Amino acid sequence: VYSEDDLDLEGSGSVRILGYINNGVTCKDDLTVQGGNVTVVAANNGLRASESVQFEDGNVTVTAQNDGIKTTSSKKDGKGYISFLGGAATVSARGDAVSAETQFRMMGGTLTLTTEGDPEQNSCKGIKANFEVVISGGNIFANTADHCIKSDGALAVQGGVLELASTDGKGLSAEAQILVETKFMEVSLNDIEELGFQYQVSRQASNTTNAEPTSRKFIS
């Protein structure tokens, strides 16, 4: 599927998109998912939009040999973001499951992410954003070969439920401050001492912390 303009996926039906040569869906402007059951299998990227991808409703399943859901352009102010307001997306990728050119925002819905690959050869993160990551609601379940969630700027977890596991990376990684104010977050397969050096964490909404050699939980 290719669009030179905005593209909306909506309705109550089902569609299966097979991109055997390149991307499953390519949109040159804004891509919005508002409903339906969408299955994408792609030799390259699953859903790729230049300016934005927004999920409002529906159920999307993506299997991609490169990135799963991706934006590529930050030329226009406020663009390049990926936003989840609702719905559900299950992404299996050999690149990054979700890759935002600028900002990743999660306010609702459910994301289930799986990546495979060698992080020394290519990026295979769960969620990656070049500007910032803001999570205020919804559910994120990630099992990744690289970092589960990576921001090249700030990372804020202000709500929602996160269950993160990485075989060769960190649960959370950011170039700037990481702020955690959520009811429950579990990061597994990380060393607690390493977390202490890597993260500047503020737990303003947390009353107790349970730490084990392979996990860290924040419970309010």
Protein backbone atom coordinates (compact mmCIF):
# COMPACT_ATOMS: atom_id res chain seq x y z
CA VAL A 1 0.00 0.00 0.00
CA TYR A 2 1.46 3.36 -1.06
CA SER A 3 0.07 6.87 -0.45
CA GLU A 4 1.49 10.24 -1.54
CA ASP A 5 -0.88 11.98 0.91
CA ASP A 6 -2.43 11.19 4.31
CA LEU A 7 -3.62 7.62 4.81
CA ASP A 8 -6.36 6.47 7.22
CA LEU A 9 -6.98 2.82 8.08
CA GLU A 10 -10.49 2.53 9.54
CA GLY A 11 -13.66 0.44 9.67
CA SER A 12 -14.53 -2.93 11.18
CA GLY A 13 -13.19 -5.27 8.50
CA SER A 14 -9.90 -7.09 8.08
CA VAL A 15 -7.05 -6.63 5.64
CA ARG A 16 -3.83 -8.54 5.08
CA ILE A 17 -0.95 -6.65 3.43
CA LEU A 18 2.00 -8.60 2.06
CA GLY A 19 5.05 -6.54 1.14
CA TYR A 20 7.27 -9.22 -0.33
CA ILE A 21 9.70 -6.77 -1.95
CA ASN A 22 9.73 -3.64 0.25
CA ASN A 23 7.49 -1.97 2.85
CA GLY A 24 4.02 -3.16 3.76
CA VAL A 25 2.53 0.35 4.01
CA THR A 26 4.30 3.54 2.87
CA CYS A 27 2.72 6.95 3.51
CA LYS A 28 4.37 10.23 2.51
CA ASP A 29 2.39 12.29 5.06
CA ASP A 30 0.35 11.25 8.14
CA LEU A 31 -0.74 7.65 8.75
CA THR A 32 -3.68 7.10 11.15
CA VAL A 33 -5.07 3.76 12.33
CA GLN A 34 -8.67 4.21 13.50
CA GLY A 35 -10.08 0.69 13.37
CA GLY A 36 -10.18 -2.69 11.73
CA ASN A 37 -7.92 -5.71 11.90
CA VAL A 38 -4.73 -5.11 9.92
CA THR A 39 -2.03 -7.70 9.32
CA VAL A 40 1.22 -6.61 7.67
CA VAL A 41 4.09 -8.83 6.54
CA ALA A 42 7.00 -6.94 4.99
CA ALA A 43 10.45 -7.60 3.58
CA ASN A 44 11.51 -4.13 4.78
CA ASN A 45 9.47 -1.84 7.11
CA GLY A 46 5.95 -2.76 8.17
CA LEU A 47 4.27 0.66 8.53
CA ARG A 48 6.37 3.60 7.34
CA ALA A 49 5.18 7.21 7.27
CA SER A 50 7.16 10.37 6.66
CA GLU A 51 5.45 12.77 9.08
CA SER A 52 3.50 10.81 11.72
CA VAL A 53 1.86 7.55 12.73
CA GLN A 54 -1.09 7.68 15.13
CA PHE A 55 -3.02 4.73 16.57
CA GLU A 56 -6.53 5.47 17.83
CA ASP A 57 -8.30 2.09 17.62
CA GLY A 58 -8.12 -1.24 15.84
CA ASN A 59 -5.85 -4.24 16.01
CA VAL A 60 -2.60 -4.27 14.03
CA THR A 61 -0.12 -7.13 13.66
CA VAL A 62 3.22 -6.42 11.97
CA THR A 63 5.99 -8.83 11.00
CA ALA A 64 8.93 -7.02 9.43
CA GLN A 65 12.43 -7.92 8.36
CA ASN A 66 13.53 -4.36 9.17
CA ASP A 67 11.68 -1.78 11.35
CA GLY A 68 8.08 -2.49 12.33
CA ILE A 69 6.47 0.96 12.70
CA LYS A 70 8.50 3.97 11.59
CA THR A 71 8.49 7.72 10.88
CA THR A 72 11.28 9.32 8.86
CA SER A 73 10.91 13.11 8.55
CA SER A 74 11.29 16.02 10.99
CA LYS A 75 11.27 18.78 8.37
CA LYS A 76 7.92 20.18 9.56
CA ASP A 77 7.54 21.50 13.11
CA GLY A 78 5.78 19.01 15.38
CA LYS A 79 6.07 16.14 12.92
CA GLY A 80 8.02 12.90 12.90
CA TYR A 81 6.18 11.49 15.92
CA ILE A 82 4.51 8.16 16.66
CA SER A 83 1.50 8.35 18.98
CA PHE A 84 -0.64 5.65 20.63
CA LEU A 85 -4.04 6.74 21.94
CA GLY A 86 -5.78 3.36 21.79
CA GLY A 87 -6.06 0.05 20.00
CA ALA A 88 -3.52 -2.75 20.02
CA ALA A 89 -0.38 -3.42 18.02
CA THR A 90 1.73 -6.56 18.03
CA VAL A 91 5.08 -6.08 16.30
CA SER A 92 7.79 -8.61 15.50
CA ALA A 93 10.84 -7.09 13.81
CA ARG A 94 14.45 -7.77 12.94
CA GLY A 95 15.12 -4.04 13.20
CA ASP A 96 13.46 -1.65 15.67
CA ALA A 97 9.88 -2.55 16.52
CA VAL A 98 8.93 1.15 16.79
CA SER A 99 11.22 3.91 15.48
CA ALA A 100 10.18 7.58 15.78
CA GLU A 101 12.13 10.30 14.00
CA THR A 102 11.26 12.78 16.77
CA GLN A 103 8.90 11.80 19.61
CA PHE A 104 7.17 8.64 20.79
CA ARG A 105 4.00 9.21 22.84
CA MET A 106 1.97 6.47 24.57
CA MET A 107 -1.33 7.51 26.17
CA GLY A 108 -3.44 4.38 25.75
CA GLY A 109 -3.75 1.03 24.03
CA THR A 110 -1.47 -1.98 24.17
CA LEU A 111 1.90 -2.56 22.51
CA THR A 112 3.46 -6.03 22.36
CA LEU A 113 6.97 -5.88 20.90
CA THR A 114 9.51 -8.54 19.96
CA THR A 115 12.81 -7.98 18.19
CA GLU A 116 15.54 -10.31 17.00
CA GLY A 117 19.06 -9.71 15.74
CA ASP A 118 22.55 -8.73 16.79
CA PRO A 119 22.69 -5.22 18.35
CA GLU A 120 26.32 -4.92 17.26
CA GLN A 121 25.25 -5.34 13.63
CA ASN A 122 22.00 -3.33 13.54
CA SER A 123 19.56 -1.56 15.84
CA CYS A 124 16.86 -3.92 17.11
CA LYS A 125 15.24 -1.96 19.94
CA GLY A 126 11.66 -2.15 21.12
CA ILE A 127 10.95 1.60 21.01
CA LYS A 128 13.42 4.18 19.74
CA ALA A 129 12.95 7.96 19.48
CA ASN A 130 15.46 10.56 18.38
CA PHE A 131 13.99 13.37 20.51
CA GLU A 132 12.01 12.04 23.48
CA VAL A 133 9.78 9.26 24.81
CA VAL A 134 6.70 10.12 26.91
CA ILE A 135 4.52 7.31 28.33
CA SER A 136 1.44 8.36 30.31
CA GLY A 137 -0.88 5.37 29.88
CA GLY A 138 -1.48 2.06 28.16
CA ASN A 139 0.45 -1.18 28.33
CA ILE A 140 3.85 -2.01 26.87
CA PHE A 141 5.17 -5.57 26.81
CA ALA A 142 8.61 -5.84 25.23
CA ASN A 143 11.04 -8.71 24.73
CA THR A 144 13.96 -7.42 22.71
CA ALA A 145 17.48 -8.20 21.58
CA ASP A 146 18.57 -4.57 22.13
CA HIS A 147 17.31 -1.88 24.55
CA CYS A 148 13.57 -2.15 25.21
CA ILE A 149 13.00 1.62 25.20
CA LYS A 150 15.66 4.09 24.03
CA SER A 151 15.48 7.88 23.78
CA ASP A 152 18.22 10.09 22.39
CA GLY A 153 16.77 12.83 24.60
CA ALA A 154 14.60 12.55 27.71
CA LEU A 155 12.41 9.62 28.75
CA ALA A 156 9.35 10.03 31.00
CA VAL A 157 7.15 7.20 32.30
CA GLN A 158 4.21 8.90 33.99
CA GLY A 159 1.60 6.13 33.85
CA GLY A 160 0.68 2.82 32.33
CA VAL A 161 2.07 -0.67 32.82
CA LEU A 162 5.47 -1.74 31.47
CA GLU A 163 6.99 -5.21 31.37
CA LEU A 164 10.41 -5.04 29.72
CA ALA A 165 12.96 -7.76 29.04
CA SER A 166 16.13 -7.46 26.96
CA THR A 167 18.59 -10.26 26.17
CA ASP A 168 21.47 -7.93 25.23
CA GLY A 169 20.55 -4.42 26.33
CA LYS A 170 18.81 -2.29 28.94
CA GLY A 171 15.16 -1.97 29.79
CA LEU A 172 15.30 1.84 29.71
CA SER A 173 18.02 3.96 28.14
CA ALA A 174 18.18 7.72 27.57
CA GLU A 175 20.79 10.35 26.83
CA ALA A 176 19.09 12.74 29.28
CA GLN A 177 17.08 12.21 32.48
CA ILE A 178 14.72 9.28 32.98
CA LEU A 179 11.62 10.16 35.02
CA VAL A 180 9.50 7.32 36.42
CA GLU A 181 6.10 8.05 38.00
CA THR A 182 4.13 4.92 37.19
CA LYS A 183 2.17 2.39 39.23
CA PHE A 184 4.09 -0.64 37.99
CA MET A 185 7.22 -1.15 35.98
CA GLU A 186 9.41 -4.23 35.85
CA VAL A 187 12.74 -4.26 34.07
CA SER A 188 14.34 -7.68 33.83
CA LEU A 189 17.71 -8.98 32.65
CA ASN A 190 19.59 -5.91 33.90
CA ASP A 191 22.13 -5.46 36.65
CA ILE A 192 20.91 -3.18 39.44
CA GLU A 193 24.30 -1.56 40.00
CA GLU A 194 24.56 -0.79 36.30
CA LEU A 195 21.07 0.72 36.39
CA GLY A 196 22.16 2.99 39.23
CA PHE A 197 25.02 4.40 37.18
CA GLN A 198 23.07 4.70 33.93
CA TYR A 199 19.83 6.26 35.18
CA GLN A 200 18.87 9.35 37.10
CA VAL A 201 15.48 8.17 38.32
CA SER A 202 12.78 10.18 40.09
CA ARG A 203 10.04 8.07 41.69
CA GLN A 204 7.68 10.80 42.86
CA ALA A 205 4.64 8.51 42.85
CA SER A 206 6.30 5.43 44.32
CA ASN A 207 6.11 4.38 47.93
CA THR A 208 8.07 1.14 47.85
CA THR A 209 10.85 -0.32 45.77
CA ASN A 210 11.66 -4.02 45.54
CA ALA A 211 15.01 -4.76 43.94
CA GLU A 212 16.41 -8.15 43.05
CA PRO A 213 19.62 -9.08 41.17
CA THR A 214 17.75 -9.37 37.86
CA SER A 215 14.77 -7.05 38.26
CA ARG A 216 13.60 -3.68 39.53
CA LYS A 217 10.00 -2.89 40.34
CA PHE A 218 8.28 0.40 41.12
CA ILE A 219 4.94 -0.02 42.89
CA SER A 220 2.75 2.81 44.23
